Structures are given as C-alpha cells and as structure tokens.
PDB file of N, CA and C in Angstrom:
ATOM      1  N   MET A   1      22.055  66.540 131.165  1.00  0.00           N
ATOM      2  CA  MET A   1      21.627  65.135 131.404  1.00  0.00           C
ATOM      3  C   MET A   1      19.976  64.504 130.569  1.00  0.00           C
ATOM      4  N   LEU A   2      19.202  65.392 131.041  1.00  0.00           N
ATOM      5  CA  LEU A   2      18.388  65.272 130.512  1.00  0.00           C
ATOM      6  C   LEU A   2      17.873  64.536 129.122  1.00  0.00           C
ATOM      7  N   VAL A   3      18.822  65.029 127.997  1.00  0.00           N
ATOM      8  CA  VAL A   3      18.594  65.824 126.566  1.00  0.00           C
ATOM      9  C   VAL A   3      19.649  64.593 126.735  1.00  0.00           C
ATOM     10  N   LYS A   4      20.505  63.751 126.944  1.00  0.00           N
ATOM     11  CA  LYS A   4      21.505  62.475 126.732  1.00  0.00           C
ATOM     12  C   LYS A   4      21.034  61.694 126.949  1.00  0.00           C
ATOM     13  N   SER A   5      19.545  61.207 127.986  1.00  0.00           N
ATOM     14  CA  SER A   5      19.107  60.304 128.002  1.00  0.00           C
ATOM     15  C   SER A   5      18.453  59.872 127.088  1.00  0.00           C
ATOM     16  N   TRP A   6      17.710  60.856 126.447  1.00  0.00           N
ATOM     17  CA  TRP A   6      16.683  60.476 124.901  1.00  0.00           C
ATOM     18  C   TRP A   6      18.166  60.240 124.301  1.00  0.00           C
ATOM     19  N   ALA A   7      18.960  60.951 124.006  1.00  0.00           N
ATOM     20  CA  ALA A   7      19.941  60.489 122.483  1.00  0.00           C
ATOM     21  C   ALA A   7      21.173  59.098 123.039  1.00  0.00           C
ATOM     22  N   ASP A   8      20.986  59.032 124.367  1.00  0.00           N
ATOM     23  CA  ASP A   8      21.653  57.257 124.733  1.00  0.00           C
ATOM     24  C   ASP A   8      20.829  56.450 124.320  1.00  0.00           C
ATOM     25  N   LEU A   9      19.284  56.993 124.133  1.00  0.00           N
ATOM     26  CA  LEU A   9      18.543  55.361 123.605  1.00  0.00           C
ATOM     27  C   LEU A   9      18.352  54.758 122.943  1.00  0.00           C
ATOM     28  N   ARG A  10      18.481  53.214 121.957  1.00  0.00           N
ATOM     29  CA  ARG A  10      19.202  52.977 120.669  1.00  0.00           C
ATOM     30  C   ARG A  10      18.147  51.774 121.005  1.00  0.00           C
ATOM     31  N   GLY A  11      17.826  51.148 119.614  1.00  0.00           N
ATOM     32  CA  GLY A  11      17.870  50.081 119.275  1.00  0.00           C
ATOM     33  C   GLY A  11      16.583  49.861 119.222  1.00  0.00           C
ATOM     34  N   PRO A  12      15.542  48.978 119.422  1.00  0.00           N
ATOM     35  CA  PRO A  12      14.315  48.660 118.815  1.00  0.00           C
ATOM     36  C   PRO A  12      12.995  49.137 120.530  1.00  0.00           C
ATOM     37  N   ASP A  13      12.621  49.597 120.633  1.00  0.00           N
ATOM     38  CA  ASP A  13      11.717  50.263 121.003  1.00  0.00           C
ATOM     39  C   ASP A  13       9.916  49.578 120.779  1.00  0.00           C
ATOM     40  N   PRO A  14       9.382  48.302 120.818  1.00  0.00           N
ATOM     41  CA  PRO A  14       7.802  48.404 120.370  1.00  0.00           C
ATOM     42  C   PRO A  14       6.686  48.411 120.516  1.00  0.00           C
ATOM     43  N   ASP A  15       6.889  48.652 121.954  1.00  0.00           N
ATOM     44  CA  ASP A  15       5.847  49.381 122.824  1.00  0.00           C
ATOM     45  C   ASP A  15       5.862  50.809 123.044  1.00  0.00           C
ATOM     46  N   GLY A  16       7.076  51.687 123.056  1.00  0.00           N
ATOM     47  CA  GLY A  16       7.521  53.330 123.504  1.00  0.00           C
ATOM     48  C   GLY A  16       7.715  53.679 124.272  1.00  0.00           C
ATOM     49  N   SER A  17       7.807  51.943 125.842  1.00  0.00           N
ATOM     50  CA  SER A  17       7.953  52.806 126.954  1.00  0.00           C
ATOM     51  C   SER A  17       9.119  53.092 127.038  1.00  0.00           C
ATOM     52  N   ARG A  18      10.282  52.368 126.692  1.00  0.00           N
ATOM     53  CA  ARG A  18      11.948  52.986 127.032  1.00  0.00           C
ATOM     54  C   ARG A  18      11.750  54.649 126.288  1.00  0.00           C
ATOM     55  N   THR A  19      11.367  55.037 125.220  1.00  0.00           N
ATOM     56  CA  THR A  19      11.239  56.164 124.867  1.00  0.00           C
ATOM     57  C   THR A  19       9.991  57.010 125.511  1.00  0.00           C
ATOM     58  N   ALA A  20       9.692  56.073 126.450  1.00  0.00           N
ATOM     59  CA  ALA A  20       8.131  56.969 126.953  1.00  0.00           C
ATOM     60  C   ALA A  20       9.310  57.571 128.634  1.00  0.00           C
ATOM     61  N   GLN A  21      10.144  56.659 128.857  1.00  0.00           N
ATOM     62  CA  GLN A  21      10.623  57.469 130.661  1.00  0.00           C
ATOM     63  C   GLN A  21      11.491  57.706 130.027  1.00  0.00           C
ATOM     64  N   ALA A  22      12.365  57.688 129.015  1.00  0.00           N
ATOM     65  CA  ALA A  22      13.909  58.819 128.320  1.00  0.00           C
ATOM     66  C   ALA A  22      12.570  59.997 127.783  1.00  0.00           C
ATOM     67  N   ILE A  23      11.901  60.241 127.576  1.00  0.00           N
ATOM     68  CA  ILE A  23      11.452  61.812 127.330  1.00  0.00           C
ATOM     69  C   ILE A  23      10.372  62.317 128.303  1.00  0.00           C
ATOM     70  N   LYS A  24      10.263  61.295 129.690  1.00  0.00           N
ATOM     71  CA  LYS A  24       9.257  62.128 130.498  1.00  0.00           C
ATOM     72  C   LYS A  24      10.115  63.447 131.392  1.00  0.00           C
ATOM     73  N   PRO A  25      11.102  63.294 131.333  1.00  0.00           N
ATOM     74  CA  PRO A  25      11.454  64.489 132.008  1.00  0.00           C
ATOM     75  C   PRO A  25      11.647  65.611 131.385  1.00  0.00           C
ATOM     76  N   ILE A  26      12.033  65.338 131.018  1.00  0.00           N
ATOM     77  CA  ILE A  26      12.253  66.475 129.317  1.00  0.00           C
ATOM     78  C   ILE A  26      10.945  67.182 129.151  1.00  0.00           C
ATOM     79  N   MET A  27      10.051  66.308 128.706  1.00  0.00           N
ATOM     80  CA  MET A  27       8.033  66.902 128.331  1.00  0.00           C
ATOM     81  C   MET A  27       8.121  67.793 129.763  1.00  0.00           C
ATOM     82  N   ASP A  28       7.541  67.849 130.915  1.00  0.00           N
ATOM     83  CA  ASP A  28       7.710  68.002 131.989  1.00  0.00           C
ATOM     84  C   ASP A  28       8.134  69.222 132.125  1.00  0.00           C
ATOM     85  N   LEU A  29       9.286  69.798 131.243  1.00  0.00           N
ATOM     86  CA  LEU A  29       9.785  70.990 131.886  1.00  0.00           C
ATOM     87  C   LEU A  29       8.560  71.901 131.215  1.00  0.00           C
ATOM     88  N   GLY A  30       7.868  71.290 129.849  1.00  0.00           N
ATOM     89  CA  GLY A  30       7.077  72.506 129.870  1.00  0.00           C
ATOM     90  C   GLY A  30       7.478  72.886 128.659  1.00  0.00           C
ATOM     91  N   LEU A  31       8.195  72.640 127.954  1.00  0.00           N
ATOM     92  CA  LEU A  31       8.746  73.600 126.700  1.00  0.00           C
ATOM     93  C   LEU A  31       8.127  74.010 126.004  1.00  0.00           C
ATOM     94  N   ALA A  32       8.835  75.128 124.964  1.00  0.00           N
ATOM     95  CA  ALA A  32       8.110  75.149 123.528  1.00  0.00           C
ATOM     96  C   ALA A  32       8.651  76.159 122.983  1.00  0.00           C
ATOM     97  N   LEU A  33       8.383  75.638 121.183  1.00  0.00           N
ATOM     98  CA  LEU A  33       9.322  76.428 120.497  1.00  0.00           C
ATOM     99  C   LEU A  33       8.321  77.318 119.647  1.00  0.00           C
ATOM    100  N   VAL A  34       9.356  78.663 119.785  1.00  0.00           N
ATOM    101  CA  VAL A  34       8.429  79.708 120.235  1.00  0.00           C
ATOM    102  C   VAL A  34       8.515  80.779 118.129  1.00  0.00           C
ATOM    103  N   PRO A  35       8.115  80.575 117.642  1.00  0.00           N
ATOM    104  CA  PRO A  35       8.782  81.148 116.315  1.00  0.00           C
ATOM    105  C   PRO A  35       8.895  82.800 116.104  1.00  0.00           C
ATOM    106  N   GLU A  36      10.113  82.733 115.554  1.00  0.00           N
ATOM    107  CA  GLU A  36      10.502  83.765 115.047  1.00  0.00           C
ATOM    108  C   GLU A  36       9.943  85.525 114.840  1.00  0.00           C
ATOM    109  N   ASP A  37       8.921  84.916 113.765  1.00  0.00           N
ATOM    110  CA  ASP A  37       7.720  86.006 113.703  1.00  0.00           C
ATOM    111  C   ASP A  37       7.107  86.112 114.446  1.00  0.00           C
ATOM    112  N   GLU A  38       7.019  85.435 116.095  1.00  0.00           N
ATOM    113  CA  GLU A  38       5.816  85.679 116.657  1.00  0.00           C
ATOM    114  C   GLU A  38       4.525  85.468 116.271  1.00  0.00           C
ATOM    115  N   GLY A  39       4.487  83.953 115.739  1.00  0.00           N
ATOM    116  CA  GLY A  39       3.652  83.347 115.748  1.00  0.00           C
ATOM    117  C   GLY A  39       3.155  82.780 117.119  1.00  0.00           C
ATOM    118  N   ARG A  40       2.680  81.336 116.802  1.00  0.00           N
ATOM    119  CA  ARG A  40       1.547  81.327 118.457  1.00  0.00           C
ATOM    120  C   ARG A  40       2.557  79.728 118.600  1.00  0.00           C
ATOM    121  N   PRO A  41       3.269  79.969 120.154  1.00  0.00           N
ATOM    122  CA  PRO A  41       3.992  78.720 120.347  1.00  0.00           C
ATOM    123  C   PRO A  41       4.144  76.770 120.201  1.00  0.00           C
ATOM    124  N   MET A  42       4.663  76.079 119.961  1.00  0.00           N
ATOM    125  CA  MET A  42       4.671  74.991 120.007  1.00  0.00           C
ATOM    126  C   MET A  42       5.044  74.658 120.949  1.00  0.00           C
ATOM    127  N   ALA A  43       3.617  73.984 121.906  1.00  0.00           N
ATOM    128  CA  ALA A  43       4.787  72.390 122.727  1.00  0.00           C
ATOM    129  C   ALA A  43       5.734  71.113 122.224  1.00  0.00           C
ATOM    130  N   LEU A  44       6.630  71.276 122.981  1.00  0.00           N
ATOM    131  CA  LEU A  44       7.775  70.350 122.144  1.00  0.00           C
ATOM    132  C   LEU A  44       7.274  68.983 122.631  1.00  0.00           C
ATOM    133  N   PHE A  45       6.897  68.226 121.855  1.00  0.00           N
ATOM    134  CA  PHE A  45       6.097  66.708 122.148  1.00  0.00           C
ATOM    135  C   PHE A  45       4.993  66.755 122.131  1.00  0.00           C
ATOM    136  N   LYS A  46       4.705  67.043 122.182  1.00  0.00           N
ATOM    137  CA  LYS A  46       3.280  66.799 122.025  1.00  0.00           C
ATOM    138  C   LYS A  46       2.888  67.826 120.858  1.00  0.00           C
ATOM    139  N   GLU A  47       2.994  68.890 120.069  1.00  0.00           N
ATOM    140  CA  GLU A  47       2.800  69.448 118.697  1.00  0.00           C
ATOM    141  C   GLU A  47       4.550  69.836 118.043  1.00  0.00           C
ATOM    142  N   CYS A  48       5.699  69.108 118.180  1.00  0.00           N
ATOM    143  CA  CYS A  48       6.310  69.273 117.511  1.00  0.00           C
ATOM    144  C   CYS A  48       7.292  68.682 118.223  1.00  0.00           C
ATOM    145  N   ILE A  49       8.717  68.080 117.734  1.00  0.00           N
ATOM    146  CA  ILE A  49       9.784  67.842 117.557  1.00  0.00           C
ATOM    147  C   ILE A  49      11.293  68.757 117.266  1.00  0.00           C
ATOM    148  N   VAL A  50      11.912  68.765 118.131  1.00  0.00           N
ATOM    149  CA  VAL A  50      13.989  69.633 117.879  1.00  0.00           C
ATOM    150  C   VAL A  50      14.611  68.611 117.291  1.00  0.00           C
ATOM    151  N   ARG A  51      15.154  68.441 116.623  1.00  0.00           N
ATOM    152  CA  ARG A  51      16.938  67.425 116.387  1.00  0.00           C
ATOM    153  C   ARG A  51      17.345  69.174 116.833  1.00  0.00           C
ATOM    154  N   ILE A  52      18.395  67.975 117.337  1.00  0.00           N
ATOM    155  CA  ILE A  52      19.832  69.231 116.445  1.00  0.00           C
ATOM    156  C   ILE A  52      20.864  68.225 117.177  1.00  0.00           C
ATOM    157  N   TYR A  53      21.499  68.623 115.528  1.00  0.00           N
ATOM    158  CA  TYR A  53      23.138  67.253 115.730  1.00  0.00           C
ATOM    159  C   TYR A  53      23.857  69.019 115.380  1.00  0.00           C
ATOM    160  N   GLY A  54      24.747  68.588 115.959  1.00  0.00           N
ATOM    161  CA  GLY A  54      25.561  69.495 115.416  1.00  0.00           C
ATOM    162  C   GLY A  54      25.258  70.942 115.242  1.00  0.00           C
ATOM    163  N   ASP A  55      25.343  71.747 114.306  1.00  0.00           N
ATOM    164  CA  ASP A  55      24.841  72.948 113.825  1.00  0.00           C
ATOM    165  C   ASP A  55      23.495  73.310 112.751  1.00  0.00           C
ATOM    166  N   THR A  56      22.817  71.658 112.877  1.00  0.00           N
ATOM    167  CA  THR A  56      21.829  71.884 111.953  1.00  0.00           C
ATOM    168  C   THR A  56      20.825  71.078 112.954  1.00  0.00           C
ATOM    169  N   ALA A  57      19.671  72.195 113.028  1.00  0.00           N
ATOM    170  CA  ALA A  57      18.510  71.540 113.162  1.00  0.00           C
ATOM    171  C   ALA A  57      17.523  71.417 112.621  1.00  0.00           C
ATOM    172  N   ARG A  58      16.328  69.896 113.007  1.00  0.00           N
ATOM    173  CA  ARG A  58      15.273  69.727 112.142  1.00  0.00           C
ATOM    174  C   ARG A  58      13.807  69.991 113.135  1.00  0.00           C
ATOM    175  N   VAL A  59      12.792  70.659 112.798  1.00  0.00           N
ATOM    176  CA  VAL A  59      11.776  70.695 113.867  1.00  0.00           C
ATOM    177  C   VAL A  59      10.774  69.571 112.729  1.00  0.00           C
ATOM    178  N   ARG A  60      10.482  68.810 113.023  1.00  0.00           N
ATOM    179  CA  ARG A  60       9.124  68.048 112.880  1.00  0.00           C
ATOM    180  C   ARG A  60       7.925  68.882 113.485  1.00  0.00           C
ATOM    181  N   CYS A  61       6.635  69.215 113.030  1.00  0.00           N
ATOM    182  CA  CYS A  61       5.567  69.671 113.703  1.00  0.00           C
ATOM    183  C   CYS A  61       3.843  68.257 113.416  1.00  0.00           C
ATOM    184  N   TRP A  62       3.465  68.200 113.594  1.00  0.00           N
ATOM    185  CA  TRP A  62       2.105  68.184 113.318  1.00  0.00           C
ATOM    186  C   TRP A  62       0.606  68.255 113.199  1.00  0.00           C
ATOM    187  N   PRO A  63      -0.394  68.527 112.749  1.00  0.00           N
ATOM    188  CA  PRO A  63      -1.438  69.091 112.891  1.00  0.00           C
ATOM    189  C   PRO A  63      -1.892  68.802 114.255  1.00  0.00           C
ATOM    190  N   GLN A  64      -2.583  69.839 114.646  1.00  0.00           N
ATOM    191  CA  GLN A  64      -3.836  69.848 116.320  1.00  0.00           C
ATOM    192  C   GLN A  64      -4.761  70.231 115.790  1.00  0.00           C
TER     193      GLN A  64
END
C-alpha cells in the first residue's frame, strides 16, 4: 500500500507537497540500501532512491 501510493502519484507537483505526502510513510520506515560488498548502508530517500520496474532496478544516489 505504501509503495502503491507513491507509484500512483501523477501529474505536476510544483511545490513537491504531493510527493512529500506520498513518500513520508515510506521514509518513516527508516529503510536502508546495503551494498553487496558490505559497504556503508545508504538511507533511502535521504541518500538514494531505488526504482523497480518489473525485473529491473535502478538506484540513484547523491553526494552527502
């Protein structure tokens, strides 16, 4: 349900408020992406975003 509300977000969101409302419950879970090489975990939505479409996943990270 949490991921679906984010996936259903469509159309313009000039101030980002609709996006923030949709992802806040997911952010509140405190999830982290842990590299296979046991590198430093990255906090989802704070340091990176993971997008999964079918059998393909993409990770976008930004410098901290």
